[in-house]
Amino acid sequence: MILVERSAHVVAPVEAVWDVVQRAEQLPAWLAGVRAAEVLSGEGFGRRQLVQAGRGSAHEAEVIAYQEPTLIGWRERAKGAGARAEARTEIYVQLTPDEEEGGGTVVRLIVVRWPAGPVKAALLRLGLRRVGADLEESLARLT
């Protein structure tokens, strides 16, 4: 398992941030590396969505954590030729009201990856800086 986490303060109330981060169609606007996203079925917990990365890959995702208005998380599995079913990624967005900064919201982004084997794990570890940079860019887009 590989975990990368970043957080930032957003000058907006939790409800306003939630309105953006919980909508699949809004993912390309704020989540770095996402080119398109669409809901396949459902809403809230259990919602299924298709997420297309800027690098051309597509991932079917299922919402596995949903606590309005403070937590959403989804699990992605790669689709298409060469995709390995045991490889998966979970992404969590946690929102906390920030009383100390004069209001606003602390946004915490967490990416957890389970690579498909030791070679993929080594490659993912080499790319941790990029994952962290993508999370920082995502936070900047939200602010």
C-alpha atoms as a PDB file:
ATOM      1  CA  MET A   1       0.000   0.000   0.000  1.00  0.00           C
ATOM      2  CA  ILE A   2       1.229   3.498  -0.876  1.00  0.00           C
ATOM      3  CA  LEU A   3      -0.357   6.551   0.764  1.00  0.00           C
ATOM      4  CA  VAL A   4       0.045  10.210  -0.217  1.00  0.00           C
ATOM      5  CA  GLU A   5      -1.742  13.021   1.594  1.00  0.00           C
ATOM      6  CA  ARG A   6      -1.903  16.815   1.299  1.00  0.00           C
ATOM      7  CA  SER A   7      -4.087  19.485   2.896  1.00  0.00           C
ATOM      8  CA  ALA A   8      -4.815  23.185   2.488  1.00  0.00           C
ATOM      9  CA  HIS A   9      -7.097  25.927   3.748  1.00  0.00           C
ATOM     10  CA  VAL A  10      -9.877  27.078   1.416  1.00  0.00           C
ATOM     11  CA  VAL A  11     -11.613  30.390   2.065  1.00  0.00           C
ATOM     12  CA  ALA A  12     -15.127  29.032   1.617  1.00  0.00           C
ATOM     13  CA  PRO A  13     -17.599  27.305   3.916  1.00  0.00           C
ATOM     14  CA  VAL A  14     -17.665  23.501   4.038  1.00  0.00           C
ATOM     15  CA  GLU A  15     -20.998  23.373   2.193  1.00  0.00           C
ATOM     16  CA  ALA A  16     -19.633  25.376  -0.770  1.00  0.00           C
ATOM     17  CA  VAL A  17     -16.544  23.181  -1.070  1.00  0.00           C
ATOM     18  CA  TRP A  18     -18.695  20.054  -0.706  1.00  0.00           C
ATOM     19  CA  ASP A  19     -20.910  21.223  -3.569  1.00  0.00           C
ATOM     20  CA  VAL A  20     -17.848  21.098  -5.854  1.00  0.00           C
ATOM     21  CA  VAL A  21     -15.946  18.021  -4.642  1.00  0.00           C
ATOM     22  CA  GLN A  22     -18.894  15.619  -4.418  1.00  0.00           C
ATOM     23  CA  ARG A  23     -20.044  16.111  -8.026  1.00  0.00           C
ATOM     24  CA  ALA A  24     -18.455  13.705 -10.511  1.00  0.00           C
ATOM     25  CA  GLU A  25     -18.882  16.150 -13.391  1.00  0.00           C
ATOM     26  CA  GLN A  26     -16.814  18.737 -11.463  1.00  0.00           C
ATOM     27  CA  LEU A  27     -13.746  16.474 -11.089  1.00  0.00           C
ATOM     28  CA  PRO A  28     -11.953  17.800 -14.214  1.00  0.00           C
ATOM     29  CA  ALA A  29     -12.264  21.358 -12.901  1.00  0.00           C
ATOM     30  CA  TRP A  30     -10.340  20.714  -9.697  1.00  0.00           C
ATOM     31  CA  LEU A  31      -8.728  17.242  -9.594  1.00  0.00           C
ATOM     32  CA  ALA A  32      -5.397  17.284 -11.433  1.00  0.00           C
ATOM     33  CA  GLY A  33      -5.008  14.556 -14.031  1.00  0.00           C
ATOM     34  CA  VAL A  34      -8.728  14.110 -14.678  1.00  0.00           C
ATOM     35  CA  ARG A  35      -9.893  14.898 -18.210  1.00  0.00           C
ATOM     36  CA  ALA A  36     -13.537  13.863 -17.897  1.00  0.00           C
ATOM     37  CA  ALA A  37     -15.898  12.191 -15.445  1.00  0.00           C
ATOM     38  CA  GLU A  38     -19.475  11.035 -15.617  1.00  0.00           C
ATOM     39  CA  VAL A  39     -21.935   9.280 -13.337  1.00  0.00           C
ATOM     40  CA  LEU A  40     -22.808   5.810 -14.551  1.00  0.00           C
ATOM     41  CA  SER A  41     -25.446   5.036 -11.910  1.00  0.00           C
ATOM     42  CA  GLY A  42     -26.668   5.947  -8.453  1.00  0.00           C
ATOM     43  CA  GLU A  43     -25.894   8.812  -6.131  1.00  0.00           C
ATOM     44  CA  GLY A  44     -24.141   9.187  -2.800  1.00  0.00           C
ATOM     45  CA  PHE A  45     -22.710   5.998  -1.304  1.00  0.00           C
ATOM     46  CA  GLY A  46     -22.431   3.322  -3.996  1.00  0.00           C
ATOM     47  CA  ARG A  47     -22.547   5.757  -6.931  1.00  0.00           C
ATOM     48  CA  ARG A  48     -20.645   4.420  -9.926  1.00  0.00           C
ATOM     49  CA  GLN A  49     -18.710   6.809 -12.131  1.00  0.00           C
ATOM     50  CA  LEU A  50     -16.306   6.706 -15.039  1.00  0.00           C
ATOM     51  CA  VAL A  51     -13.153   8.799 -14.637  1.00  0.00           C
ATOM     52  CA  GLN A  52     -10.923   9.479 -17.645  1.00  0.00           C
ATOM     53  CA  ALA A  53      -7.354  10.526 -16.955  1.00  0.00           C
ATOM     54  CA  GLY A  54      -5.458  13.039 -19.044  1.00  0.00           C
ATOM     55  CA  ARG A  55      -3.085  10.254 -20.060  1.00  0.00           C
ATOM     56  CA  GLY A  56      -5.903   8.402 -21.815  1.00  0.00           C
ATOM     57  CA  SER A  57      -6.706   5.728 -19.248  1.00  0.00           C
ATOM     58  CA  ALA A  58     -10.237   5.205 -17.949  1.00  0.00           C
ATOM     59  CA  HIS A  59     -11.176   4.019 -14.480  1.00  0.00           C
ATOM     60  CA  GLU A  60     -14.518   2.840 -13.268  1.00  0.00           C
ATOM     61  CA  ALA A  61     -14.998   4.121  -9.730  1.00  0.00           C
ATOM     62  CA  GLU A  62     -17.424   3.418  -6.916  1.00  0.00           C
ATOM     63  CA  VAL A  63     -18.115   5.812  -4.054  1.00  0.00           C
ATOM     64  CA  ILE A  64     -17.112   3.882  -0.918  1.00  0.00           C
ATOM     65  CA  ALA A  65     -17.303   6.701   1.659  1.00  0.00           C
ATOM     66  CA  TYR A  66     -19.993   9.375   1.750  1.00  0.00           C
ATOM     67  CA  GLN A  67     -20.757  11.560   4.750  1.00  0.00           C
ATOM     68  CA  GLU A  68     -22.368  14.785   3.603  1.00  0.00           C
ATOM     69  CA  PRO A  69     -20.884  17.437   3.824  1.00  0.00           C
ATOM     70  CA  THR A  70     -17.489  16.308   5.110  1.00  0.00           C
ATOM     71  CA  LEU A  71     -16.242  13.114   3.421  1.00  0.00           C
ATOM     72  CA  ILE A  72     -16.328  11.463   0.034  1.00  0.00           C
ATOM     73  CA  GLY A  73     -14.120   8.645  -1.144  1.00  0.00           C
ATOM     74  CA  TRP A  74     -14.071   6.450  -4.191  1.00  0.00           C
ATOM     75  CA  ARG A  75     -12.241   3.338  -5.341  1.00  0.00           C
ATOM     76  CA  GLU A  76     -10.936   3.163  -8.902  1.00  0.00           C
ATOM     77  CA  ARG A  77     -10.042   0.071 -10.864  1.00  0.00           C
ATOM     78  CA  ALA A  78      -8.334   0.309 -14.241  1.00  0.00           C
ATOM     79  CA  LYS A  79     -10.336  -0.743 -17.283  1.00  0.00           C
ATOM     80  CA  GLY A  80      -9.231  -1.803 -20.725  1.00  0.00           C
ATOM     81  CA  ALA A  81      -6.496  -3.888 -22.274  1.00  0.00           C
ATOM     82  CA  GLY A  82      -3.794  -4.900 -19.833  1.00  0.00           C
ATOM     83  CA  ALA A  83      -5.702  -3.736 -16.758  1.00  0.00           C
ATOM     84  CA  ARG A  84      -5.000  -5.815 -13.676  1.00  0.00           C
ATOM     85  CA  ALA A  85      -8.010  -6.347 -11.402  1.00  0.00           C
ATOM     86  CA  GLU A  86      -5.898  -6.414  -8.238  1.00  0.00           C
ATOM     87  CA  ALA A  87      -4.515  -2.908  -8.819  1.00  0.00           C
ATOM     88  CA  ARG A  88      -6.684  -0.239  -7.256  1.00  0.00           C
ATOM     89  CA  THR A  89      -6.622   3.340  -6.061  1.00  0.00           C
ATOM     90  CA  GLU A  90      -8.750   4.988  -3.402  1.00  0.00           C
ATOM     91  CA  ILE A  91      -9.149   8.756  -3.253  1.00  0.00           C
ATOM     92  CA  TYR A  92     -10.623  10.544  -0.246  1.00  0.00           C
ATOM     93  CA  VAL A  93     -11.644  14.175   0.194  1.00  0.00           C
ATOM     94  CA  GLN A  94     -12.127  15.183   3.811  1.00  0.00           C
ATOM     95  CA  LEU A  95     -13.532  18.614   4.729  1.00  0.00           C
ATOM     96  CA  THR A  96     -13.258  20.197   8.167  1.00  0.00           C
ATOM     97  CA  PRO A  97     -14.568  23.623   9.199  1.00  0.00           C
ATOM     98  CA  ASP A  98     -11.577  25.821  10.071  1.00  0.00           C
ATOM     99  CA  GLU A  99     -12.420  27.951  13.091  1.00  0.00           C
ATOM    100  CA  GLU A 100      -8.814  29.071  13.720  1.00  0.00           C
ATOM    101  CA  GLU A 101      -8.222  30.715  10.311  1.00  0.00           C
ATOM    102  CA  GLY A 102     -11.286  32.914  10.605  1.00  0.00           C
ATOM    103  CA  GLY A 103     -13.596  30.533   8.844  1.00  0.00           C
ATOM    104  CA  GLY A 104     -13.257  28.512   5.718  1.00  0.00           C
ATOM    105  CA  THR A 105     -12.473  24.855   5.275  1.00  0.00           C
ATOM    106  CA  VAL A 106      -9.477  22.593   5.664  1.00  0.00           C
ATOM    107  CA  VAL A 107      -9.432  20.250   2.670  1.00  0.00           C
ATOM    108  CA  ARG A 108      -7.473  17.025   3.058  1.00  0.00           C
ATOM    109  CA  LEU A 109      -6.819  14.911  -0.041  1.00  0.00           C
ATOM    110  CA  ILE A 110      -5.670  11.324   0.441  1.00  0.00           C
ATOM    111  CA  VAL A 111      -4.603   8.865  -2.259  1.00  0.00           C
ATOM    112  CA  VAL A 112      -4.064   5.211  -1.342  1.00  0.00           C
ATOM    113  CA  ARG A 113      -2.734   2.846  -3.994  1.00  0.00           C
ATOM    114  CA  TRP A 114      -2.433  -0.919  -4.011  1.00  0.00           C
ATOM    115  CA  PRO A 115      -0.197  -1.735  -6.969  1.00  0.00           C
ATOM    116  CA  ALA A 116      -0.461  -4.927  -9.016  1.00  0.00           C
ATOM    117  CA  GLY A 117       2.740  -6.588  -7.869  1.00  0.00           C
ATOM    118  CA  PRO A 118       6.226  -5.617  -6.699  1.00  0.00           C
ATOM    119  CA  VAL A 119       7.420  -4.108  -9.987  1.00  0.00           C
ATOM    120  CA  LYS A 120       4.417  -1.765 -10.148  1.00  0.00           C
ATOM    121  CA  ALA A 121       4.956  -0.906  -6.473  1.00  0.00           C
ATOM    122  CA  ALA A 122       8.552   0.126  -7.174  1.00  0.00           C
ATOM    123  CA  LEU A 123       7.435   2.269 -10.105  1.00  0.00           C
ATOM    124  CA  LEU A 124       4.722   3.908  -8.008  1.00  0.00           C
ATOM    125  CA  ARG A 125       7.235   4.748  -5.281  1.00  0.00           C
ATOM    126  CA  LEU A 126       9.394   6.464  -7.895  1.00  0.00           C
ATOM    127  CA  GLY A 127       6.382   8.548  -8.901  1.00  0.00           C
ATOM    128  CA  LEU A 128       5.365   9.676  -5.402  1.00  0.00           C
ATOM    129  CA  ARG A 129       6.581  13.226  -6.013  1.00  0.00           C
ATOM    130  CA  ARG A 130       4.293  13.518  -9.001  1.00  0.00           C
ATOM    131  CA  VAL A 131       1.306  12.244  -7.010  1.00  0.00           C
ATOM    132  CA  GLY A 132       2.068  14.793  -4.285  1.00  0.00           C
ATOM    133  CA  ALA A 133       2.429  17.563  -6.880  1.00  0.00           C
ATOM    134  CA  ASP A 134      -0.914  16.571  -8.435  1.00  0.00           C
ATOM    135  CA  LEU A 135      -2.588  16.767  -5.016  1.00  0.00           C
ATOM    136  CA  GLU A 136      -1.037  20.201  -4.402  1.00  0.00           C
ATOM    137  CA  GLU A 137      -2.266  21.387  -7.801  1.00  0.00           C
ATOM    138  CA  SER A 138      -5.743  20.058  -7.002  1.00  0.00           C
ATOM    139  CA  LEU A 139      -5.779  21.962  -3.717  1.00  0.00           C
ATOM    140  CA  ALA A 140      -4.637  25.128  -5.486  1.00  0.00           C
ATOM    141  CA  ARG A 141      -7.514  24.779  -7.952  1.00  0.00           C
ATOM    142  CA  LEU A 142      -9.971  24.530  -5.053  1.00  0.00           C
ATOM    143  CA  THR A 143      -8.609  27.631  -3.361  1.00  0.00           C
END
